[in-house]
């Protein structure tokens, strides 16, 4: 069913007035369409299949195409991913502010939403080419994000991500 604002009253899950392009750390969770187990299986640890490898490669490529974006811990599970994205327009290197070099391709928008949109679009295209099913959804609509407010929270979320497959 196509979205009709007269009958579909979706409430935004984003914080009203918050600038999602500002420097900070963000914990994101992105789920597969209908929670399909698409990226591999858990035995004693997560074992990625070729689709999971595509997702991992695309995630790791994010800072290459988006200057000022750093990645922290992340994990790919059978039907979702968790990751920490850090937006830093300048990066401290030995106490000196260094700006990331501008890549050949650069996304014009640096919001968390634009980062996730680009990631989902790229992985969907690659996975659908592999399974020869263009237009098939890979990801559920939207994603969940949490603004990481302090070091204690960052450490707790890192631990959650690191132990996610074991749990």
C-alpha atoms as a PDB file:
ATOM      1  CA  UNK A   1       0.000   0.000   0.000  1.00  0.00           C
ATOM      2  CA  UNK A   2       1.366   3.407  -0.950  1.00  0.00           C
ATOM      3  CA  UNK A   3       1.898   5.956   1.831  1.00  0.00           C
ATOM      4  CA  UNK A   4      -1.089   8.243   2.209  1.00  0.00           C
ATOM      5  CA  UNK A   5      -0.623  10.966   4.864  1.00  0.00           C
ATOM      6  CA  UNK A   6      -4.400  11.261   5.291  1.00  0.00           C
ATOM      7  CA  UNK A   7      -4.664   7.711   6.631  1.00  0.00           C
ATOM      8  CA  UNK A   8      -1.110   6.832   7.660  1.00  0.00           C
ATOM      9  CA  UNK A   9      -0.133   8.901  10.652  1.00  0.00           C
ATOM     10  CA  UNK A  10       3.541   8.041  10.982  1.00  0.00           C
ATOM     11  CA  UNK A  11       5.236   9.737  13.849  1.00  0.00           C
ATOM     12  CA  UNK A  12       8.897  10.521  13.341  1.00  0.00           C
ATOM     13  CA  UNK A  13      11.245   8.678  15.668  1.00  0.00           C
ATOM     14  CA  UNK A  14      13.854  11.425  15.297  1.00  0.00           C
ATOM     15  CA  UNK A  15      14.344  14.144  17.920  1.00  0.00           C
ATOM     16  CA  UNK A  16      12.545  17.247  16.734  1.00  0.00           C
ATOM     17  CA  UNK A  17      14.987  20.069  16.017  1.00  0.00           C
ATOM     18  CA  UNK A  18      18.105  17.927  16.484  1.00  0.00           C
ATOM     19  CA  UNK A  19      20.811  18.387  13.845  1.00  0.00           C
ATOM     20  CA  UNK A  20      21.789  14.863  12.816  1.00  0.00           C
ATOM     21  CA  UNK A  21      24.775  16.239  10.886  1.00  0.00           C
ATOM     22  CA  UNK A  22      26.462  17.681  13.972  1.00  0.00           C
ATOM     23  CA  UNK A  23      29.590  16.145  15.436  1.00  0.00           C
ATOM     24  CA  UNK A  24      28.847  13.245  17.724  1.00  0.00           C
ATOM     25  CA  UNK A  25      28.590   9.495  18.108  1.00  0.00           C
ATOM     26  CA  UNK A  26      25.499   7.604  17.003  1.00  0.00           C
ATOM     27  CA  UNK A  27      24.529   3.984  17.668  1.00  0.00           C
ATOM     28  CA  UNK A  28      22.502   2.654  14.739  1.00  0.00           C
ATOM     29  CA  UNK A  29      20.564  -0.543  14.141  1.00  0.00           C
ATOM     30  CA  UNK A  30      19.356  -1.455  10.662  1.00  0.00           C
ATOM     31  CA  UNK A  31      17.107  -4.492  10.163  1.00  0.00           C
ATOM     32  CA  UNK A  32      16.469  -6.601   7.101  1.00  0.00           C
ATOM     33  CA  UNK A  33      13.101  -6.573   5.369  1.00  0.00           C
ATOM     34  CA  UNK A  34      10.652  -8.712   7.375  1.00  0.00           C
ATOM     35  CA  UNK A  35      13.621  -9.712   9.572  1.00  0.00           C
ATOM     36  CA  UNK A  36      14.773 -12.259   6.977  1.00  0.00           C
ATOM     37  CA  UNK A  37      17.987 -14.010   8.000  1.00  0.00           C
ATOM     38  CA  UNK A  38      19.920 -12.757   4.994  1.00  0.00           C
ATOM     39  CA  UNK A  39      23.535 -12.221   6.051  1.00  0.00           C
ATOM     40  CA  UNK A  40      24.658 -15.565   7.464  1.00  0.00           C
ATOM     41  CA  UNK A  41      24.227 -17.787  10.491  1.00  0.00           C
ATOM     42  CA  UNK A  42      25.379 -17.998  14.065  1.00  0.00           C
ATOM     43  CA  UNK A  43      27.147 -21.187  15.051  1.00  0.00           C
ATOM     44  CA  UNK A  44      29.454 -20.422  17.954  1.00  0.00           C
ATOM     45  CA  UNK A  45      30.048 -17.062  16.258  1.00  0.00           C
ATOM     46  CA  UNK A  46      28.551 -15.106  13.362  1.00  0.00           C
ATOM     47  CA  UNK A  47      29.507 -16.634  10.000  1.00  0.00           C
ATOM     48  CA  UNK A  48      28.868 -14.239   7.123  1.00  0.00           C
ATOM     49  CA  UNK A  49      27.588 -15.460   3.778  1.00  0.00           C
ATOM     50  CA  UNK A  50      28.323 -13.523   0.527  1.00  0.00           C
ATOM     51  CA  UNK A  51      25.488 -11.041   1.284  1.00  0.00           C
ATOM     52  CA  UNK A  52      26.903 -10.424   4.751  1.00  0.00           C
ATOM     53  CA  UNK A  53      30.328  -9.816   3.226  1.00  0.00           C
ATOM     54  CA  UNK A  54      28.796  -7.204   0.881  1.00  0.00           C
ATOM     55  CA  UNK A  55      27.246  -5.477   3.906  1.00  0.00           C
ATOM     56  CA  UNK A  56      30.545  -5.546   5.820  1.00  0.00           C
ATOM     57  CA  UNK A  57      32.511  -4.170   2.877  1.00  0.00           C
ATOM     58  CA  UNK A  58      29.988  -1.370   2.295  1.00  0.00           C
ATOM     59  CA  UNK A  59      29.995  -0.461   5.999  1.00  0.00           C
ATOM     60  CA  UNK A  60      33.801  -0.326   6.068  1.00  0.00           C
ATOM     61  CA  UNK A  61      33.776   1.835   2.896  1.00  0.00           C
ATOM     62  CA  UNK A  62      31.598   4.518   4.527  1.00  0.00           C
ATOM     63  CA  UNK A  63      34.481   6.728   5.751  1.00  0.00           C
ATOM     64  CA  UNK A  64      36.193   6.410   2.374  1.00  0.00           C
ATOM     65  CA  UNK A  65      33.310   8.127   0.563  1.00  0.00           C
ATOM     66  CA  UNK A  66      32.287  10.409   3.428  1.00  0.00           C
ATOM     67  CA  UNK A  67      35.025  12.615   4.867  1.00  0.00           C
ATOM     68  CA  UNK A  68      34.640  13.385   8.545  1.00  0.00           C
ATOM     69  CA  UNK A  69      32.895  10.070   9.235  1.00  0.00           C
ATOM     70  CA  UNK A  70      34.588   7.545  11.503  1.00  0.00           C
ATOM     71  CA  UNK A  71      33.398   4.056  12.341  1.00  0.00           C
ATOM     72  CA  UNK A  72      33.675   2.420  15.717  1.00  0.00           C
ATOM     73  CA  UNK A  73      32.466  -1.067  16.705  1.00  0.00           C
ATOM     74  CA  UNK A  74      29.957  -2.808  14.453  1.00  0.00           C
ATOM     75  CA  UNK A  75      28.493  -6.260  14.055  1.00  0.00           C
ATOM     76  CA  UNK A  76      26.548  -7.957  11.309  1.00  0.00           C
ATOM     77  CA  UNK A  77      23.922 -10.412  12.533  1.00  0.00           C
ATOM     78  CA  UNK A  78      21.734 -12.716  10.402  1.00  0.00           C
ATOM     79  CA  UNK A  79      18.928 -10.157  10.131  1.00  0.00           C
ATOM     80  CA  UNK A  80      20.319  -6.809  11.293  1.00  0.00           C
ATOM     81  CA  UNK A  81      23.440  -4.778  11.886  1.00  0.00           C
ATOM     82  CA  UNK A  82      24.558  -2.638  14.794  1.00  0.00           C
ATOM     83  CA  UNK A  83      27.210   0.016  14.470  1.00  0.00           C
ATOM     84  CA  UNK A  84      28.613   3.188  15.918  1.00  0.00           C
ATOM     85  CA  UNK A  85      29.078   6.083  13.511  1.00  0.00           C
ATOM     86  CA  UNK A  86      31.066   9.112  14.620  1.00  0.00           C
ATOM     87  CA  UNK A  87      30.718  12.409  12.798  1.00  0.00           C
ATOM     88  CA  UNK A  88      33.833  14.546  13.170  1.00  0.00           C
ATOM     89  CA  UNK A  89      34.437  17.352  10.729  1.00  0.00           C
ATOM     90  CA  UNK A  90      38.008  17.500  11.985  1.00  0.00           C
ATOM     91  CA  UNK A  91      39.941  14.605  13.473  1.00  0.00           C
ATOM     92  CA  UNK A  92      42.518  15.005  16.228  1.00  0.00           C
ATOM     93  CA  UNK A  93      45.810  13.380  15.313  1.00  0.00           C
ATOM     94  CA  UNK A  94      48.526  13.808  17.937  1.00  0.00           C
ATOM     95  CA  UNK A  95      46.710  16.866  19.242  1.00  0.00           C
ATOM     96  CA  UNK A  96      46.556  18.558  15.824  1.00  0.00           C
ATOM     97  CA  UNK A  97      43.242  19.013  14.049  1.00  0.00           C
ATOM     98  CA  UNK A  98      43.430  17.202  10.704  1.00  0.00           C
ATOM     99  CA  UNK A  99      40.690  17.260   8.109  1.00  0.00           C
ATOM    100  CA  UNK A 100      39.976  14.126   6.131  1.00  0.00           C
ATOM    101  CA  UNK A 101      41.005  14.316   2.448  1.00  0.00           C
ATOM    102  CA  UNK A 102      38.173  14.809   0.015  1.00  0.00           C
ATOM    103  CA  UNK A 103      37.518  11.599  -1.926  1.00  0.00           C
ATOM    104  CA  UNK A 104      36.738  11.473  -5.645  1.00  0.00           C
ATOM    105  CA  UNK A 105      33.093  10.704  -4.860  1.00  0.00           C
ATOM    106  CA  UNK A 106      31.572  12.557  -1.965  1.00  0.00           C
ATOM    107  CA  UNK A 107      27.999  12.583  -0.718  1.00  0.00           C
ATOM    108  CA  UNK A 108      26.659  16.125  -0.402  1.00  0.00           C
ATOM    109  CA  UNK A 109      24.790  15.376   2.825  1.00  0.00           C
ATOM    110  CA  UNK A 110      26.530  14.236   5.979  1.00  0.00           C
ATOM    111  CA  UNK A 111      23.529  13.503   8.201  1.00  0.00           C
ATOM    112  CA  UNK A 112      23.069  10.113   9.817  1.00  0.00           C
ATOM    113  CA  UNK A 113      19.985   9.691   7.603  1.00  0.00           C
ATOM    114  CA  UNK A 114      21.991  10.328   4.425  1.00  0.00           C
ATOM    115  CA  UNK A 115      24.720   7.939   5.552  1.00  0.00           C
ATOM    116  CA  UNK A 116      22.208   5.157   6.224  1.00  0.00           C
ATOM    117  CA  UNK A 117      20.303   5.860   2.972  1.00  0.00           C
ATOM    118  CA  UNK A 118      23.505   5.602   0.940  1.00  0.00           C
ATOM    119  CA  UNK A 119      24.570   2.436   2.733  1.00  0.00           C
ATOM    120  CA  UNK A 120      21.186   0.765   2.279  1.00  0.00           C
ATOM    121  CA  UNK A 121      20.972   1.778  -1.374  1.00  0.00           C
ATOM    122  CA  UNK A 122      24.451   0.498  -2.210  1.00  0.00           C
ATOM    123  CA  UNK A 123      24.033  -2.831  -0.430  1.00  0.00           C
ATOM    124  CA  UNK A 124      20.534  -3.406  -1.821  1.00  0.00           C
ATOM    125  CA  UNK A 125      21.774  -2.905  -5.373  1.00  0.00           C
ATOM    126  CA  UNK A 126      24.746  -5.244  -4.897  1.00  0.00           C
ATOM    127  CA  UNK A 127      22.776  -7.979  -3.119  1.00  0.00           C
ATOM    128  CA  UNK A 128      19.964  -7.881  -5.671  1.00  0.00           C
ATOM    129  CA  UNK A 129      22.472  -8.171  -8.511  1.00  0.00           C
ATOM    130  CA  UNK A 130      23.943 -11.237  -6.798  1.00  0.00           C
ATOM    131  CA  UNK A 131      20.553 -12.900  -6.339  1.00  0.00           C
ATOM    132  CA  UNK A 132      19.294 -11.704  -9.748  1.00  0.00           C
ATOM    133  CA  UNK A 133      16.186 -10.126  -8.242  1.00  0.00           C
ATOM    134  CA  UNK A 134      16.158  -6.388  -8.996  1.00  0.00           C
ATOM    135  CA  UNK A 135      13.786  -4.337  -6.896  1.00  0.00           C
ATOM    136  CA  UNK A 136      13.490  -6.882  -4.082  1.00  0.00           C
ATOM    137  CA  UNK A 137      13.696  -5.185  -0.666  1.00  0.00           C
ATOM    138  CA  UNK A 138      16.711  -5.993   1.481  1.00  0.00           C
ATOM    139  CA  UNK A 139      16.170  -3.567   4.375  1.00  0.00           C
ATOM    140  CA  UNK A 140      13.151  -2.579   6.400  1.00  0.00           C
ATOM    141  CA  UNK A 141      11.980   0.999   6.134  1.00  0.00           C
ATOM    142  CA  UNK A 142      13.861   3.363   8.435  1.00  0.00           C
ATOM    143  CA  UNK A 143      16.451   2.476  11.086  1.00  0.00           C
ATOM    144  CA  UNK A 144      16.933   3.012  14.781  1.00  0.00           C
ATOM    145  CA  UNK A 145      19.495   5.458  16.088  1.00  0.00           C
ATOM    146  CA  UNK A 146      20.592   6.514  19.535  1.00  0.00           C
ATOM    147  CA  UNK A 147      22.702   9.592  20.204  1.00  0.00           C
ATOM    148  CA  UNK A 148      25.631   8.555  22.404  1.00  0.00           C
ATOM    149  CA  UNK A 149      25.955  11.256  25.044  1.00  0.00           C
ATOM    150  CA  UNK A 150      29.050  10.298  27.067  1.00  0.00           C
ATOM    151  CA  UNK A 151      32.024   7.926  27.399  1.00  0.00           C
ATOM    152  CA  UNK A 152      30.229   5.581  29.802  1.00  0.00           C
ATOM    153  CA  UNK A 153      27.400   5.100  27.333  1.00  0.00           C
ATOM    154  CA  UNK A 154      29.891   4.614  24.482  1.00  0.00           C
ATOM    155  CA  UNK A 155      31.687   1.833  26.409  1.00  0.00           C
ATOM    156  CA  UNK A 156      28.384   0.122  27.308  1.00  0.00           C
ATOM    157  CA  UNK A 157      27.216   0.183  23.672  1.00  0.00           C
ATOM    158  CA  UNK A 158      30.585  -1.078  22.430  1.00  0.00           C
ATOM    159  CA  UNK A 159      30.324  -4.024  24.825  1.00  0.00           C
ATOM    160  CA  UNK A 160      26.768  -4.734  23.623  1.00  0.00           C
ATOM    161  CA  UNK A 161      27.915  -4.778  19.995  1.00  0.00           C
ATOM    162  CA  UNK A 162      30.974  -6.945  20.701  1.00  0.00           C
ATOM    163  CA  UNK A 163      28.929  -9.573  22.596  1.00  0.00           C
ATOM    164  CA  UNK A 164      25.809  -9.450  20.397  1.00  0.00           C
ATOM    165  CA  UNK A 165      26.471 -12.687  18.483  1.00  0.00           C
ATOM    166  CA  UNK A 166      27.179 -14.548  21.723  1.00  0.00           C
ATOM    167  CA  UNK A 167      23.864 -13.427  23.190  1.00  0.00           C
END
